[in-house]
Amino acid sequence: MITRVGIVAGEIWNYLEQNGQVPLSEIVSNVEQSEEIILMSLGWLAREGHVILEASNNSYLISLRK
């Protein structure tokens, strides 16, 4: 499971690198994984300090930390 979370974290990283800051719902719609795995992978990226999470209108905006 941890390997899958890491792979999806890489997919999210690539998506953010190509698209800049996006809402969480866009990641869930465009990264072809379950929402649960996406959230675990975002947690991993956040814990490692690779992404910025901002609350916005009952959702979250996510971007890579530069």
N, C-alpha and C. Protein backbone atom coordinates (compact mmCIF):
# COMPACT_ATOMS: atom_id res chain seq x y z
N MET A 1 0.82 -1.20 0.00
CA MET A 1 0.00 0.00 0.00
C MET A 1 0.87 1.26 0.00
N ILE A 2 1.93 1.26 0.79
CA ILE A 2 2.78 2.45 0.88
C ILE A 2 3.43 2.77 -0.47
N THR A 3 3.73 1.74 -1.24
CA THR A 3 4.30 1.96 -2.57
C THR A 3 3.28 2.64 -3.47
N ARG A 4 2.03 2.20 -3.41
CA ARG A 4 0.97 2.81 -4.21
C ARG A 4 0.78 4.28 -3.83
N VAL A 5 0.78 4.57 -2.54
CA VAL A 5 0.63 5.96 -2.08
C VAL A 5 1.78 6.80 -2.63
N GLY A 6 2.99 6.27 -2.61
CA GLY A 6 4.14 6.99 -3.14
C GLY A 6 4.05 7.24 -4.64
N ILE A 7 3.57 6.25 -5.37
CA ILE A 7 3.42 6.39 -6.82
C ILE A 7 2.37 7.46 -7.14
N VAL A 8 1.26 7.43 -6.42
CA VAL A 8 0.21 8.43 -6.64
C VAL A 8 0.70 9.81 -6.23
N ALA A 9 1.50 9.90 -5.19
CA ALA A 9 2.10 11.19 -4.81
C ALA A 9 2.91 11.75 -5.98
N GLY A 10 3.63 10.90 -6.68
CA GLY A 10 4.38 11.33 -7.87
C GLY A 10 3.46 11.80 -8.98
N GLU A 11 2.33 11.12 -9.17
CA GLU A 11 1.36 11.53 -10.19
C GLU A 11 0.78 12.90 -9.84
N ILE A 12 0.48 13.10 -8.57
CA ILE A 12 -0.06 14.39 -8.12
C ILE A 12 1.00 15.48 -8.32
N TRP A 13 2.23 15.19 -7.96
CA TRP A 13 3.33 16.14 -8.13
C TRP A 13 3.41 16.58 -9.60
N ASN A 14 3.39 15.60 -10.52
CA ASN A 14 3.46 15.92 -11.94
C ASN A 14 2.26 16.75 -12.39
N TYR A 15 1.09 16.41 -11.90
CA TYR A 15 -0.11 17.16 -12.26
C TYR A 15 0.01 18.62 -11.80
N LEU A 16 0.44 18.81 -10.57
CA LEU A 16 0.60 20.17 -10.04
C LEU A 16 1.70 20.94 -10.78
N GLU A 17 2.76 20.26 -11.15
CA GLU A 17 3.84 20.90 -11.89
C GLU A 17 3.36 21.41 -13.24
N GLN A 18 2.46 20.67 -13.87
CA GLN A 18 1.94 21.07 -15.18
C GLN A 18 0.81 22.09 -15.09
N ASN A 19 0.04 22.07 -13.99
CA ASN A 19 -1.18 22.88 -13.92
C ASN A 19 -1.15 23.98 -12.87
N GLY A 20 -0.13 24.06 -12.06
CA GLY A 20 -0.07 25.09 -11.03
C GLY A 20 -1.07 24.82 -9.91
N GLN A 21 -1.53 25.87 -9.26
CA GLN A 21 -2.46 25.74 -8.14
C GLN A 21 -3.83 25.29 -8.65
N VAL A 22 -4.36 24.24 -8.05
CA VAL A 22 -5.66 23.70 -8.46
C VAL A 22 -6.48 23.33 -7.23
N PRO A 23 -7.82 23.29 -7.38
CA PRO A 23 -8.65 22.81 -6.28
C PRO A 23 -8.51 21.30 -6.10
N LEU A 24 -8.74 20.83 -4.90
CA LEU A 24 -8.69 19.40 -4.61
C LEU A 24 -9.59 18.62 -5.55
N SER A 25 -10.78 19.13 -5.84
CA SER A 25 -11.72 18.42 -6.71
C SER A 25 -11.14 18.18 -8.10
N GLU A 26 -10.30 19.07 -8.59
CA GLU A 26 -9.67 18.88 -9.90
C GLU A 26 -8.67 17.73 -9.86
N ILE A 27 -7.93 17.63 -8.78
CA ILE A 27 -6.99 16.52 -8.64
C ILE A 27 -7.76 15.20 -8.60
N VAL A 28 -8.82 15.16 -7.80
CA VAL A 28 -9.61 13.94 -7.68
C VAL A 28 -10.20 13.55 -9.04
N SER A 29 -10.61 14.53 -9.83
CA SER A 29 -11.21 14.26 -11.15
C SER A 29 -10.19 13.83 -12.19
N ASN A 30 -8.96 14.31 -12.08
CA ASN A 30 -7.99 14.10 -13.16
C ASN A 30 -6.88 13.11 -12.87
N VAL A 31 -6.67 12.78 -11.62
CA VAL A 31 -5.70 11.74 -11.28
C VAL A 31 -6.50 10.46 -11.12
N GLU A 32 -6.26 9.49 -11.94
CA GLU A 32 -7.10 8.29 -12.01
C GLU A 32 -6.80 7.31 -10.88
N GLN A 33 -7.16 7.72 -9.68
CA GLN A 33 -7.00 6.89 -8.48
C GLN A 33 -8.20 7.16 -7.58
N SER A 34 -8.38 6.32 -6.58
CA SER A 34 -9.49 6.55 -5.64
C SER A 34 -9.21 7.81 -4.82
N GLU A 35 -10.28 8.44 -4.37
CA GLU A 35 -10.14 9.65 -3.56
C GLU A 35 -9.35 9.37 -2.29
N GLU A 36 -9.54 8.19 -1.70
CA GLU A 36 -8.83 7.84 -0.47
C GLU A 36 -7.32 7.81 -0.68
N ILE A 37 -6.88 7.20 -1.78
CA ILE A 37 -5.43 7.12 -2.07
C ILE A 37 -4.90 8.52 -2.38
N ILE A 38 -5.67 9.33 -3.10
CA ILE A 38 -5.25 10.70 -3.40
C ILE A 38 -5.06 11.48 -2.10
N LEU A 39 -5.99 11.35 -1.17
CA LEU A 39 -5.86 12.08 0.10
C LEU A 39 -4.66 11.59 0.90
N MET A 40 -4.41 10.28 0.91
CA MET A 40 -3.22 9.76 1.60
C MET A 40 -1.95 10.32 0.96
N SER A 41 -1.93 10.35 -0.37
CA SER A 41 -0.75 10.84 -1.09
C SER A 41 -0.53 12.33 -0.85
N LEU A 42 -1.62 13.11 -0.81
CA LEU A 42 -1.49 14.54 -0.49
C LEU A 42 -0.99 14.74 0.93
N GLY A 43 -1.44 13.90 1.85
CA GLY A 43 -0.94 13.96 3.22
C GLY A 43 0.55 13.72 3.27
N TRP A 44 1.00 12.75 2.51
CA TRP A 44 2.43 12.43 2.43
C TRP A 44 3.19 13.66 1.90
N LEU A 45 2.71 14.21 0.79
CA LEU A 45 3.38 15.37 0.20
C LEU A 45 3.37 16.57 1.15
N ALA A 46 2.27 16.76 1.85
CA ALA A 46 2.17 17.87 2.81
C ALA A 46 3.13 17.66 3.97
N ARG A 47 3.17 16.45 4.50
CA ARG A 47 4.06 16.15 5.63
C ARG A 47 5.52 16.36 5.27
N GLU A 48 5.86 16.05 4.03
CA GLU A 48 7.23 16.24 3.57
C GLU A 48 7.52 17.69 3.16
N GLY A 49 6.48 18.54 3.20
CA GLY A 49 6.68 19.96 2.88
C GLY A 49 6.73 20.26 1.40
N HIS A 50 6.19 19.37 0.56
CA HIS A 50 6.26 19.57 -0.89
C HIS A 50 5.07 20.31 -1.48
N VAL A 51 3.94 20.37 -0.74
CA VAL A 51 2.77 21.07 -1.25
C VAL A 51 2.27 22.09 -0.24
N ILE A 52 1.54 23.07 -0.75
CA ILE A 52 0.87 24.06 0.07
C ILE A 52 -0.62 23.80 -0.05
N LEU A 53 -1.30 23.70 1.08
CA LEU A 53 -2.74 23.50 1.12
C LEU A 53 -3.38 24.77 1.68
N GLU A 54 -4.32 25.34 0.93
CA GLU A 54 -5.01 26.54 1.37
C GLU A 54 -6.51 26.29 1.38
N ALA A 55 -7.18 26.60 2.49
CA ALA A 55 -8.64 26.49 2.56
C ALA A 55 -9.26 27.57 1.68
N SER A 56 -10.29 27.18 0.91
CA SER A 56 -10.96 28.13 0.03
C SER A 56 -12.38 27.68 -0.25
N ASN A 57 -13.36 28.43 0.26
CA ASN A 57 -14.78 28.16 -0.03
C ASN A 57 -15.17 26.69 0.10
N ASN A 58 -15.04 26.14 1.29
CA ASN A 58 -15.42 24.75 1.57
C ASN A 58 -14.60 23.73 0.79
N SER A 59 -13.44 24.10 0.31
CA SER A 59 -12.57 23.19 -0.40
C SER A 59 -11.13 23.56 -0.07
N TYR A 60 -10.21 23.03 -0.85
CA TYR A 60 -8.79 23.33 -0.67
C TYR A 60 -8.15 23.60 -2.01
N LEU A 61 -7.24 24.58 -2.03
CA LEU A 61 -6.39 24.82 -3.19
C LEU A 61 -5.04 24.22 -2.88
N ILE A 62 -4.46 23.55 -3.85
CA ILE A 62 -3.21 22.82 -3.65
C ILE A 62 -2.21 23.27 -4.69
N SER A 63 -0.99 23.52 -4.25
CA SER A 63 0.09 23.90 -5.17
C SER A 63 1.40 23.33 -4.64
N LEU A 64 2.37 23.25 -5.54
CA LEU A 64 3.70 22.82 -5.14
C LEU A 64 4.41 23.94 -4.42
N ARG A 65 5.18 23.60 -3.41
CA ARG A 65 6.02 24.57 -2.72
C ARG A 65 7.25 24.78 -3.60
N LYS A 66 7.54 26.02 -3.91
CA LYS A 66 8.69 26.33 -4.79
C LYS A 66 9.93 26.59 -3.98
